[in-house]
Amino acid sequence: PATLSPLAKKKLDDPNIAERFEIIIAGCEIGNAYSELSDPDEQLKNFKKQGKIDYDFVSALSYGLPPTGGLGIGIDRLVMLLTNQTSIREVILFPLLKPKDEEDS
C-alpha cells in the first residue's frame, strides 16, 4: 500500500499502490526497492500525514528530481544467505545482547 511507503511514487493506474518491490531469495527478504516520489507537493502531503515534515527535503524536490529509483540490500541478510544461516543473529557484526541477569533467569 502507498500509505506504508511515503517516499515511493504511487502507481499511475492505482494511487493506492506504491511502485515498490522486495527482493526475496530462498524465502529470505534481501532488500527492497522503489521508484522515488519526486513531486514536492505530494511528498509534503505524505509528510503531513506522518506528522513530521522535512522541509529541506521538500524544498530540494521543488528544484527538480529526474525519475529515480533505488534498491537497498541488507548486507547482513545477504551474508546470512551466503553462509546458510537460519538466524540473522548469527551474522550481525554487533548483535544486541541480553543483560546478564536476563540470561540467568
PDB file of N, CA and C in Angstrom:
ATOM      1  N   PRO A   1       0.816  -1.209   0.000  1.00  0.00           N
ATOM      2  CA  PRO A   1       0.000   0.000   0.000  1.00  0.00           C
ATOM      3  C   PRO A   1       0.857   1.269   0.000  1.00  0.00           C
ATOM      4  N   ALA A   2       0.378   2.274  -0.686  1.00  0.00           N
ATOM      5  CA  ALA A   2       1.112   3.538  -0.792  1.00  0.00           C
ATOM      6  C   ALA A   2       1.293   4.206   0.564  1.00  0.00           C
ATOM      7  N   THR A   3       0.350   4.013   1.470  1.00  0.00           N
ATOM      8  CA  THR A   3       0.455   4.662   2.780  1.00  0.00           C
ATOM      9  C   THR A   3       1.635   4.138   3.597  1.00  0.00           C
ATOM     10  N   LEU A   4       2.112   2.934   3.297  1.00  0.00           N
ATOM     11  CA  LEU A   4       3.240   2.367   4.034  1.00  0.00           C
ATOM     12  C   LEU A   4       4.591   2.747   3.431  1.00  0.00           C
ATOM     13  N   SER A   5       4.564   3.398   2.280  1.00  0.00           N
ATOM     14  CA  SER A   5       5.801   3.792   1.598  1.00  0.00           C
ATOM     15  C   SER A   5       5.725   5.262   1.192  1.00  0.00           C
ATOM     16  N   PRO A   6       5.841   6.171   2.148  1.00  0.00           N
ATOM     17  CA  PRO A   6       5.637   7.594   1.852  1.00  0.00           C
ATOM     18  C   PRO A   6       6.669   8.219   0.920  1.00  0.00           C
ATOM     19  N   LEU A   7       7.814   7.592   0.730  1.00  0.00           N
ATOM     20  CA  LEU A   7       8.826   8.141  -0.168  1.00  0.00           C
ATOM     21  C   LEU A   7       8.736   7.552  -1.573  1.00  0.00           C
ATOM     22  N   ALA A   8       7.848   6.565  -1.749  1.00  0.00           N
ATOM     23  CA  ALA A   8       7.713   5.901  -3.047  1.00  0.00           C
ATOM     24  C   ALA A   8       6.632   6.556  -3.892  1.00  0.00           C
ATOM     25  N   LYS A   9       6.852   6.515  -5.187  1.00  0.00           N
ATOM     26  CA  LYS A   9       5.881   7.042  -6.143  1.00  0.00           C
ATOM     27  C   LYS A   9       4.671   6.108  -6.193  1.00  0.00           C
ATOM     28  N   LYS A  10       3.490   6.684  -6.363  1.00  0.00           N
ATOM     29  CA  LYS A  10       2.268   5.886  -6.486  1.00  0.00           C
ATOM     30  C   LYS A  10       2.106   5.424  -7.928  1.00  0.00           C
ATOM     31  N   LYS A  11       1.481   4.245  -8.096  1.00  0.00           N
ATOM     32  CA  LYS A  11       1.206   3.747  -9.445  1.00  0.00           C
ATOM     33  C   LYS A  11       0.213   4.668 -10.137  1.00  0.00           C
ATOM     34  N   LEU A  12       0.425   4.920 -11.415  1.00  0.00           N
ATOM     35  CA  LEU A  12      -0.459   5.807 -12.165  1.00  0.00           C
ATOM     36  C   LEU A  12      -1.876   5.258 -12.265  1.00  0.00           C
ATOM     37  N   ASP A  13      -2.013   3.944 -12.453  1.00  0.00           N
ATOM     38  CA  ASP A  13      -3.340   3.357 -12.632  1.00  0.00           C
ATOM     39  C   ASP A  13      -4.043   3.023 -11.321  1.00  0.00           C
ATOM     40  N   ASP A  14      -3.320   3.058 -10.203  1.00  0.00           N
ATOM     41  CA  ASP A  14      -3.932   2.802  -8.896  1.00  0.00           C
ATOM     42  C   ASP A  14      -3.143   3.539  -7.818  1.00  0.00           C
ATOM     43  N   PRO A  15      -3.579   4.737  -7.425  1.00  0.00           N
ATOM     44  CA  PRO A  15      -2.821   5.541  -6.458  1.00  0.00           C
ATOM     45  C   PRO A  15      -2.786   4.962  -5.041  1.00  0.00           C
ATOM     46  N   ASN A  16      -3.478   3.861  -4.808  1.00  0.00           N
ATOM     47  CA  ASN A  16      -3.420   3.206  -3.500  1.00  0.00           C
ATOM     48  C   ASN A  16      -2.222   2.268  -3.387  1.00  0.00           C
ATOM     49  N   ILE A  17      -1.539   2.051  -4.497  1.00  0.00           N
ATOM     50  CA  ILE A  17      -0.411   1.120  -4.528  1.00  0.00           C
ATOM     51  C   ILE A  17       0.864   1.881  -4.863  1.00  0.00           C
ATOM     52  N   ALA A  18       1.929   1.586  -4.129  1.00  0.00           N
ATOM     53  CA  ALA A  18       3.230   2.219  -4.371  1.00  0.00           C
ATOM     54  C   ALA A  18       4.015   1.414  -5.396  1.00  0.00           C
ATOM     55  N   GLU A  19       4.861   2.105  -6.151  1.00  0.00           N
ATOM     56  CA  GLU A  19       5.761   1.446  -7.095  1.00  0.00           C
ATOM     57  C   GLU A  19       6.966   0.937  -6.311  1.00  0.00           C
ATOM     58  N   ARG A  20       6.823  -0.246  -5.723  1.00  0.00           N
ATOM     59  CA  ARG A  20       7.918  -0.815  -4.940  1.00  0.00           C
ATOM     60  C   ARG A  20       7.874  -2.324  -5.005  1.00  0.00           C
ATOM     61  N   PHE A  21       8.994  -2.942  -4.707  1.00  0.00           N
ATOM     62  CA  PHE A  21       9.053  -4.401  -4.638  1.00  0.00           C
ATOM     63  C   PHE A  21      10.152  -4.805  -3.667  1.00  0.00           C
ATOM     64  N   GLU A  22      10.099  -6.057  -3.249  1.00  0.00           N
ATOM     65  CA  GLU A  22      11.105  -6.593  -2.340  1.00  0.00           C
ATOM     66  C   GLU A  22      11.861  -7.713  -3.040  1.00  0.00           C
ATOM     67  N   ILE A  23      13.141  -7.804  -2.771  1.00  0.00           N
ATOM     68  CA  ILE A  23      13.976  -8.871  -3.309  1.00  0.00           C
ATOM     69  C   ILE A  23      13.948 -10.013  -2.295  1.00  0.00           C
ATOM     70  N   ILE A  24      13.481 -11.169  -2.726  1.00  0.00           N
ATOM     71  CA  ILE A  24      13.421 -12.334  -1.843  1.00  0.00           C
ATOM     72  C   ILE A  24      14.171 -13.470  -2.525  1.00  0.00           C
ATOM     73  N   ILE A  25      15.140 -14.030  -1.826  1.00  0.00           N
ATOM     74  CA  ILE A  25      15.921 -15.155  -2.330  1.00  0.00           C
ATOM     75  C   ILE A  25      15.844 -16.269  -1.302  1.00  0.00           C
ATOM     76  N   ALA A  26      15.457 -17.447  -1.748  1.00  0.00           N
ATOM     77  CA  ALA A  26      15.346 -18.624  -0.877  1.00  0.00           C
ATOM     78  C   ALA A  26      14.482 -18.330   0.345  1.00  0.00           C
ATOM     79  N   GLY A  27      13.418 -17.566   0.148  1.00  0.00           N
ATOM     80  CA  GLY A  27      12.488 -17.267   1.231  1.00  0.00           C
ATOM     81  C   GLY A  27      12.945 -16.194   2.197  1.00  0.00           C
ATOM     82  N   CYS A  28      14.073 -15.560   1.917  1.00  0.00           N
ATOM     83  CA  CYS A  28      14.611 -14.528   2.809  1.00  0.00           C
ATOM     84  C   CYS A  28      14.579 -13.173   2.104  1.00  0.00           C
ATOM     85  N   GLU A  29      14.010 -12.170   2.772  1.00  0.00           N
ATOM     86  CA  GLU A  29      13.996 -10.822   2.199  1.00  0.00           C
ATOM     87  C   GLU A  29      15.408 -10.252   2.249  1.00  0.00           C
ATOM     88  N   ILE A  30      15.945  -9.959   1.081  1.00  0.00           N
ATOM     89  CA  ILE A  30      17.307  -9.445   0.972  1.00  0.00           C
ATOM     90  C   ILE A  30      17.321  -7.920   0.916  1.00  0.00           C
ATOM     91  N   GLY A  31      16.281  -7.333   0.338  1.00  0.00           N
ATOM     92  CA  GLY A  31      16.230  -5.881   0.237  1.00  0.00           C
ATOM     93  C   GLY A  31      14.921  -5.426  -0.366  1.00  0.00           C
ATOM     94  N   ASN A  32      14.761  -4.119  -0.478  1.00  0.00           N
ATOM     95  CA  ASN A  32      13.570  -3.584  -1.125  1.00  0.00           C
ATOM     96  C   ASN A  32      13.963  -2.433  -2.036  1.00  0.00           C
ATOM     97  N   ALA A  33      13.068  -2.160  -2.976  1.00  0.00           N
ATOM     98  CA  ALA A  33      13.337  -1.125  -3.968  1.00  0.00           C
ATOM     99  C   ALA A  33      12.051  -0.388  -4.289  1.00  0.00           C
ATOM    100  N   TYR A  34      12.201   0.854  -4.730  1.00  0.00           N
ATOM    101  CA  TYR A  34      11.016   1.605  -5.144  1.00  0.00           C
ATOM    102  C   TYR A  34      11.400   2.768  -6.037  1.00  0.00           C
ATOM    103  N   SER A  35      10.392   3.247  -6.779  1.00  0.00           N
ATOM    104  CA  SER A  35      10.549   4.473  -7.564  1.00  0.00           C
ATOM    105  C   SER A  35      10.385   5.642  -6.608  1.00  0.00           C
ATOM    106  N   GLU A  36      11.308   6.581  -6.671  1.00  0.00           N
ATOM    107  CA  GLU A  36      11.267   7.737  -5.765  1.00  0.00           C
ATOM    108  C   GLU A  36      10.129   8.685  -6.124  1.00  0.00           C
ATOM    109  N   LEU A  37       9.426   9.152  -5.112  1.00  0.00           N
ATOM    110  CA  LEU A  37       8.406  10.173  -5.303  1.00  0.00           C
ATOM    111  C   LEU A  37       9.125  11.503  -5.487  1.00  0.00           C
ATOM    112  N   SER A  38       8.958  12.112  -6.660  1.00  0.00           N
ATOM    113  CA  SER A  38       9.684  13.351  -6.951  1.00  0.00           C
ATOM    114  C   SER A  38       8.784  14.583  -6.993  1.00  0.00           C
ATOM    115  N   ASP A  39       7.516  14.423  -6.684  1.00  0.00           N
ATOM    116  CA  ASP A  39       6.570  15.541  -6.672  1.00  0.00           C
ATOM    117  C   ASP A  39       6.594  16.184  -5.285  1.00  0.00           C
ATOM    118  N   PRO A  40       7.099  17.427  -5.162  1.00  0.00           N
ATOM    119  CA  PRO A  40       7.217  18.049  -3.839  1.00  0.00           C
ATOM    120  C   PRO A  40       5.871  18.253  -3.140  1.00  0.00           C
ATOM    121  N   ASP A  41       4.821  18.549  -3.893  1.00  0.00           N
ATOM    122  CA  ASP A  41       3.504  18.746  -3.273  1.00  0.00           C
ATOM    123  C   ASP A  41       2.967  17.439  -2.692  1.00  0.00           C
ATOM    124  N   GLU A  42       3.124  16.362  -3.444  1.00  0.00           N
ATOM    125  CA  GLU A  42       2.674  15.045  -2.972  1.00  0.00           C
ATOM    126  C   GLU A  42       3.499  14.602  -1.764  1.00  0.00           C
ATOM    127  N   GLN A  43       4.810  14.870  -1.810  1.00  0.00           N
ATOM    128  CA  GLN A  43       5.672  14.487  -0.689  1.00  0.00           C
ATOM    129  C   GLN A  43       5.308  15.265   0.566  1.00  0.00           C
ATOM    130  N   LEU A  44       4.994  16.546   0.422  1.00  0.00           N
ATOM    131  CA  LEU A  44       4.582  17.361   1.563  1.00  0.00           C
ATOM    132  C   LEU A  44       3.307  16.793   2.185  1.00  0.00           C
ATOM    133  N   LYS A  45       2.351  16.373   1.352  1.00  0.00           N
ATOM    134  CA  LYS A  45       1.119  15.747   1.865  1.00  0.00           C
ATOM    135  C   LYS A  45       1.445  14.488   2.660  1.00  0.00           C
ATOM    136  N   ASN A  46       2.352  13.668   2.134  1.00  0.00           N
ATOM    137  CA  ASN A  46       2.738  12.439   2.836  1.00  0.00           C
ATOM    138  C   ASN A  46       3.383  12.749   4.183  1.00  0.00           C
ATOM    139  N   PHE A  47       4.274  13.737   4.208  1.00  0.00           N
ATOM    140  CA  PHE A  47       4.923  14.112   5.463  1.00  0.00           C
ATOM    141  C   PHE A  47       3.903  14.629   6.477  1.00  0.00           C
ATOM    142  N   LYS A  48       2.934  15.405   6.012  1.00  0.00           N
ATOM    143  CA  LYS A  48       1.906  15.923   6.922  1.00  0.00           C
ATOM    144  C   LYS A  48       1.093  14.790   7.533  1.00  0.00           C
ATOM    145  N   LYS A  49       0.815  13.753   6.750  1.00  0.00           N
ATOM    146  CA  LYS A  49       0.084  12.588   7.272  1.00  0.00           C
ATOM    147  C   LYS A  49       0.885  11.884   8.358  1.00  0.00           C
ATOM    148  N   GLN A  50       2.214  11.893   8.223  1.00  0.00           N
ATOM    149  CA  GLN A  50       3.085  11.257   9.208  1.00  0.00           C
ATOM    150  C   GLN A  50       3.277  12.116  10.449  1.00  0.00           C
ATOM    151  N   GLY A  51       3.019  13.408  10.319  1.00  0.00           N
ATOM    152  CA  GLY A  51       3.190  14.304  11.455  1.00  0.00           C
ATOM    153  C   GLY A  51       4.598  14.836  11.613  1.00  0.00           C
ATOM    154  N   LYS A  52       5.485  14.511  10.685  1.00  0.00           N
ATOM    155  CA  LYS A  52       6.857  15.009  10.748  1.00  0.00           C
ATOM    156  C   LYS A  52       7.248  15.463   9.345  1.00  0.00           C
ATOM    157  N   ILE A  53       7.592  16.732   9.207  1.00  0.00           N
ATOM    158  CA  ILE A  53       7.847  17.293   7.886  1.00  0.00           C
ATOM    159  C   ILE A  53       9.314  17.684   7.745  1.00  0.00           C
ATOM    160  N   ASP A  54       9.935  17.190   6.697  1.00  0.00           N
ATOM    161  CA  ASP A  54      11.310  17.547   6.359  1.00  0.00           C
ATOM    162  C   ASP A  54      11.246  18.625   5.274  1.00  0.00           C
ATOM    163  N   TYR A  55      11.168  19.877   5.705  1.00  0.00           N
ATOM    164  CA  TYR A  55      11.016  20.989   4.762  1.00  0.00           C
ATOM    165  C   TYR A  55      12.218  21.127   3.828  1.00  0.00           C
ATOM    166  N   ASP A  56      13.408  20.816   4.309  1.00  0.00           N
ATOM    167  CA  ASP A  56      14.591  20.889   3.446  1.00  0.00           C
ATOM    168  C   ASP A  56      14.479  19.900   2.288  1.00  0.00           C
ATOM    169  N   PHE A  57      13.991  18.701   2.586  1.00  0.00           N
ATOM    170  CA  PHE A  57      13.823  17.682   1.548  1.00  0.00           C
ATOM    171  C   PHE A  57      12.781  18.120   0.525  1.00  0.00           C
ATOM    172  N   VAL A  58      11.654  18.627   1.003  1.00  0.00           N
ATOM    173  CA  VAL A  58      10.591  19.095   0.107  1.00  0.00           C
ATOM    174  C   VAL A  58      11.101  20.253  -0.750  1.00  0.00           C
ATOM    175  N   SER A  59      11.861  21.153  -0.146  1.00  0.00           N
ATOM    176  CA  SER A  59      12.432  22.275  -0.891  1.00  0.00           C
ATOM    177  C   SER A  59      13.381  21.777  -1.978  1.00  0.00           C
ATOM    178  N   ALA A  60      14.207  20.797  -1.650  1.00  0.00           N
ATOM    179  CA  ALA A  60      15.134  20.236  -2.639  1.00  0.00           C
ATOM    180  C   ALA A  60      14.366  19.607  -3.796  1.00  0.00           C
ATOM    181  N   LEU A  61      13.269  18.928  -3.498  1.00  0.00           N
ATOM    182  CA  LEU A  61      12.454  18.324  -4.555  1.00  0.00           C
ATOM    183  C   LEU A  61      11.875  19.382  -5.489  1.00  0.00           C
ATOM    184  N   SER A  62      11.596  20.564  -4.955  1.00  0.00           N
ATOM    185  CA  SER A  62      10.987  21.618  -5.778  1.00  0.00           C
ATOM    186  C   SER A  62      11.930  22.113  -6.879  1.00  0.00           C
ATOM    187  N   TYR A  63      13.239  21.856  -6.729  1.00  0.00           N
ATOM    188  CA  TYR A  63      14.193  22.238  -7.767  1.00  0.00           C
ATOM    189  C   TYR A  63      14.217  21.233  -8.913  1.00  0.00           C
ATOM    190  N   GLY A  64      13.600  20.085  -8.702  1.00  0.00           N
ATOM    191  CA  GLY A  64      13.501  19.075  -9.753  1.00  0.00           C
ATOM    192  C   GLY A  64      14.333  17.846  -9.457  1.00  0.00           C
ATOM    193  N   LEU A  65      13.725  16.708  -9.654  1.00  0.00           N
ATOM    194  CA  LEU A  65      14.392  15.423  -9.478  1.00  0.00           C
ATOM    195  C   LEU A  65      13.970  14.546 -10.646  1.00  0.00           C
ATOM    196  N   PRO A  66      14.919  14.068 -11.441  1.00  0.00           N
ATOM    197  CA  PRO A  66      14.539  13.209 -12.559  1.00  0.00           C
ATOM    198  C   PRO A  66      13.971  11.887 -12.036  1.00  0.00           C
ATOM    199  N   PRO A  67      13.304  11.125 -12.898  1.00  0.00           N
ATOM    200  CA  PRO A  67      12.804   9.819 -12.455  1.00  0.00           C
ATOM    201  C   PRO A  67      13.938   9.009 -11.838  1.00  0.00           C
ATOM    202  N   THR A  68      13.723   8.585 -10.618  1.00  0.00           N
ATOM    203  CA  THR A  68      14.770   7.939  -9.838  1.00  0.00           C
ATOM    204  C   THR A  68      14.205   6.736  -9.109  1.00  0.00           C
ATOM    205  N   GLY A  69      15.021   5.745  -8.933  1.00  0.00           N
ATOM    206  CA  GLY A  69      14.641   4.575  -8.156  1.00  0.00           C
ATOM    207  C   GLY A  69      15.859   4.071  -7.423  1.00  0.00           C
ATOM    208  N   GLY A  70      15.632   3.180  -6.515  1.00  0.00           N
ATOM    209  CA  GLY A  70      16.764   2.660  -5.772  1.00  0.00           C
ATOM    210  C   GLY A  70      16.487   1.287  -5.214  1.00  0.00           C
ATOM    211  N   LEU A  71      17.555   0.630  -4.838  1.00  0.00           N
ATOM    212  CA  LEU A  71      17.486  -0.704  -4.258  1.00  0.00           C
ATOM    213  C   LEU A  71      18.350  -0.711  -3.012  1.00  0.00           C
ATOM    214  N   GLY A  72      17.766  -1.091  -1.898  1.00  0.00           N
ATOM    215  CA  GLY A  72      18.517  -1.197  -0.652  1.00  0.00           C
ATOM    216  C   GLY A  72      18.679  -2.661  -0.276  1.00  0.00           C
ATOM    217  N   ILE A  73      19.910  -3.136  -0.295  1.00  0.00           N
ATOM    218  CA  ILE A  73      20.174  -4.537   0.037  1.00  0.00           C
ATOM    219  C   ILE A  73      20.720  -4.606   1.450  1.00  0.00           C
ATOM    220  N   GLY A  74      20.130  -5.464   2.262  1.00  0.00           N
ATOM    221  CA  GLY A  74      20.611  -5.678   3.620  1.00  0.00           C
ATOM    222  C   GLY A  74      21.836  -6.585   3.595  1.00  0.00           C
ATOM    223  N   ILE A  75      23.008  -6.013   3.846  1.00  0.00           N
ATOM    224  CA  ILE A  75      24.248  -6.791   3.798  1.00  0.00           C
ATOM    225  C   ILE A  75      24.189  -7.955   4.782  1.00  0.00           C
ATOM    226  N   ASP A  76      23.647  -7.706   5.976  1.00  0.00           N
ATOM    227  CA  ASP A  76      23.553  -8.781   6.960  1.00  0.00           C
ATOM    228  C   ASP A  76      22.681  -9.923   6.443  1.00  0.00           C
ATOM    229  N   ARG A  77      21.609  -9.601   5.744  1.00  0.00           N
ATOM    230  CA  ARG A  77      20.732 -10.637   5.185  1.00  0.00           C
ATOM    231  C   ARG A  77      21.417 -11.377   4.038  1.00  0.00           C
ATOM    232  N   LEU A  78      22.199 -10.662   3.248  1.00  0.00           N
ATOM    233  CA  LEU A  78      22.935 -11.296   2.161  1.00  0.00           C
ATOM    234  C   LEU A  78      23.989 -12.253   2.720  1.00  0.00           C
ATOM    235  N   VAL A  79      24.701 -11.829   3.751  1.00  0.00           N
ATOM    236  CA  VAL A  79      25.692 -12.699   4.396  1.00  0.00           C
ATOM    237  C   VAL A  79      24.998 -13.914   5.003  1.00  0.00           C
ATOM    238  N   MET A  80      23.827 -13.719   5.579  1.00  0.00           N
ATOM    239  CA  MET A  80      23.049 -14.821   6.140  1.00  0.00           C
ATOM    240  C   MET A  80      22.754 -15.864   5.059  1.00  0.00           C
ATOM    241  N   LEU A  81      22.355 -15.393   3.888  1.00  0.00           N
ATOM    242  CA  LEU A  81      22.054 -16.289   2.774  1.00  0.00           C
ATOM    243  C   LEU A  81      23.312 -17.008   2.293  1.00  0.00           C
ATOM    244  N   LEU A  82      24.400 -16.255   2.111  1.00  0.00           N
ATOM    245  CA  LEU A  82      25.634 -16.835   1.587  1.00  0.00           C
ATOM    246  C   LEU A  82      26.293 -17.824   2.541  1.00  0.00           C
ATOM    247  N   THR A  83      26.077 -17.650   3.842  1.00  0.00           N
ATOM    248  CA  THR A  83      26.674 -18.557   4.829  1.00  0.00           C
ATOM    249  C   THR A  83      25.694 -19.615   5.314  1.00  0.00           C
ATOM    250  N   ASN A  84      24.514 -19.649   4.692  1.00  0.00           N
ATOM    251  CA  ASN A  84      23.500 -20.657   5.004  1.00  0.00           C
ATOM    252  C   ASN A  84      23.077 -20.646   6.476  1.00  0.00           C
ATOM    253  N   GLN A  85      22.934 -19.463   7.044  1.00  0.00           N
ATOM    254  CA  GLN A  85      22.481 -19.318   8.427  1.00  0.00           C
ATOM    255  C   GLN A  85      20.960 -19.188   8.449  1.00  0.00           C
ATOM    256  N   THR A  86      20.340 -19.663   9.506  1.00  0.00           N
ATOM    257  CA  THR A  86      18.882 -19.558   9.620  1.00  0.00           C
ATOM    258  C   THR A  86      18.460 -18.358  10.453  1.00  0.00           C
ATOM    259  N   SER A  87      19.394 -17.764  11.175  1.00  0.00           N
ATOM    260  CA  SER A  87      19.079 -16.615  12.016  1.00  0.00           C
ATOM    261  C   SER A  87      20.014 -15.456  11.687  1.00  0.00           C
ATOM    262  N   ILE A  88      19.434 -14.284  11.591  1.00  0.00           N
ATOM    263  CA  ILE A  88      20.239 -13.095  11.310  1.00  0.00           C
ATOM    264  C   ILE A  88      21.181 -12.783  12.477  1.00  0.00           C
ATOM    265  N   ARG A  89      20.833 -13.257  13.674  1.00  0.00           N
ATOM    266  CA  ARG A  89      21.693 -13.046  14.850  1.00  0.00           C
ATOM    267  C   ARG A  89      23.071 -13.681  14.678  1.00  0.00           C
ATOM    268  N   GLU A  90      23.160 -14.698  13.834  1.00  0.00           N
ATOM    269  CA  GLU A  90      24.433 -15.390  13.624  1.00  0.00           C
ATOM    270  C   GLU A  90      25.415 -14.580  12.779  1.00  0.00           C
ATOM    271  N   VAL A  91      24.913 -13.577  12.065  1.00  0.00           N
ATOM    272  CA  VAL A  91      25.792 -12.836  11.155  1.00  0.00           C
ATOM    273  C   VAL A  91      25.915 -11.351  11.469  1.00  0.00           C
ATOM    274  N   ILE A  92      25.107 -10.844  12.374  1.00  0.00           N
ATOM    275  CA  ILE A  92      25.194  -9.423  12.713  1.00  0.00           C
ATOM    276  C   ILE A  92      26.519  -9.167  13.418  1.00  0.00           C
ATOM    277  N   LEU A  93      27.251  -8.168  12.921  1.00  0.00           N
ATOM    278  CA  LEU A  93      28.581  -7.897  13.456  1.00  0.00           C
ATOM    279  C   LEU A  93      28.548  -7.481  14.927  1.00  0.00           C
ATOM    280  N   PHE A  94      27.593  -6.629  15.303  1.00  0.00           N
ATOM    281  CA  PHE A  94      27.481  -6.170  16.680  1.00  0.00           C
ATOM    282  C   PHE A  94      26.065  -6.440  17.185  1.00  0.00           C
ATOM    283  N   PRO A  95      25.747  -7.689  17.516  1.00  0.00           N
ATOM    284  CA  PRO A  95      24.379  -8.004  17.946  1.00  0.00           C
ATOM    285  C   PRO A  95      24.063  -7.403  19.311  1.00  0.00           C
ATOM    286  N   LEU A  96      22.801  -7.123  19.507  1.00  0.00           N
ATOM    287  CA  LEU A  96      22.356  -6.668  20.822  1.00  0.00           C
ATOM    288  C   LEU A  96      22.345  -7.870  21.747  1.00  0.00           C
ATOM    289  N   LEU A  97      22.927  -7.718  22.896  1.00  0.00           N
ATOM    290  CA  LEU A  97      22.995  -8.822  23.841  1.00  0.00           C
ATOM    291  C   LEU A  97      22.013  -8.602  24.975  1.00  0.00           C
ATOM    292  N   LYS A  98      21.496  -9.695  25.497  1.00  0.00           N
ATOM    293  CA  LYS A  98      20.624  -9.601  26.665  1.00  0.00           C
ATOM    294  C   LYS A  98      21.472  -9.218  27.874  1.00  0.00           C
ATOM    295  N   PRO A  99      20.903  -8.448  28.791  1.00  0.00           N
ATOM    296  CA  PRO A  99      21.624  -8.184  30.039  1.00  0.00           C
ATOM    297  C   PRO A  99      21.887  -9.501  30.774  1.00  0.00           C
ATOM    298  N   LYS A 100      22.975  -9.566  31.505  1.00  0.00           N
ATOM    299  CA  LYS A 100      23.379 -10.803  32.172  1.00  0.00           C
ATOM    300  C   LYS A 100      22.280 -11.361  33.060  1.00  0.00           C
ATOM    301  N   ASP A 101      21.535 -10.514  33.793  1.00  0.00           N
ATOM    302  CA  ASP A 101      20.509 -11.023  34.698  1.00  0.00           C
ATOM    303  C   ASP A 101      19.360 -11.698  33.946  1.00  0.00           C
ATOM    304  N   GLU A 102      19.089 -11.328  32.698  1.00  0.00           N
ATOM    305  CA  GLU A 102      18.039 -11.984  31.922  1.00  0.00           C
ATOM    306  C   GLU A 102      18.481 -13.363  31.469  1.00  0.00           C
ATOM    307  N   GLU A 103      19.777 -13.544  31.204  1.00  0.00           N
ATOM    308  CA  GLU A 103      20.284 -14.836  30.760  1.00  0.00           C
ATOM    309  C   GLU A 103      20.185 -15.874  31.869  1.00  0.00           C
ATOM    310  N   ASP A 104      20.334 -15.446  33.112  1.00  0.00           N
ATOM    311  CA  ASP A 104      20.331 -16.378  34.234  1.00  0.00           C
ATOM    312  C   ASP A 104      18.935 -16.848  34.611  1.00  0.00           C
ATOM    313  N   SER A 105      17.882 -16.111  34.230  1.00  0.00           N
ATOM    314  CA  SER A 105      16.543 -16.493  34.669  1.00  0.00           C
ATOM    315  C   SER A 105      15.889 -17.498  33.767  1.00  0.00           C
TER     316      SER A 105
END
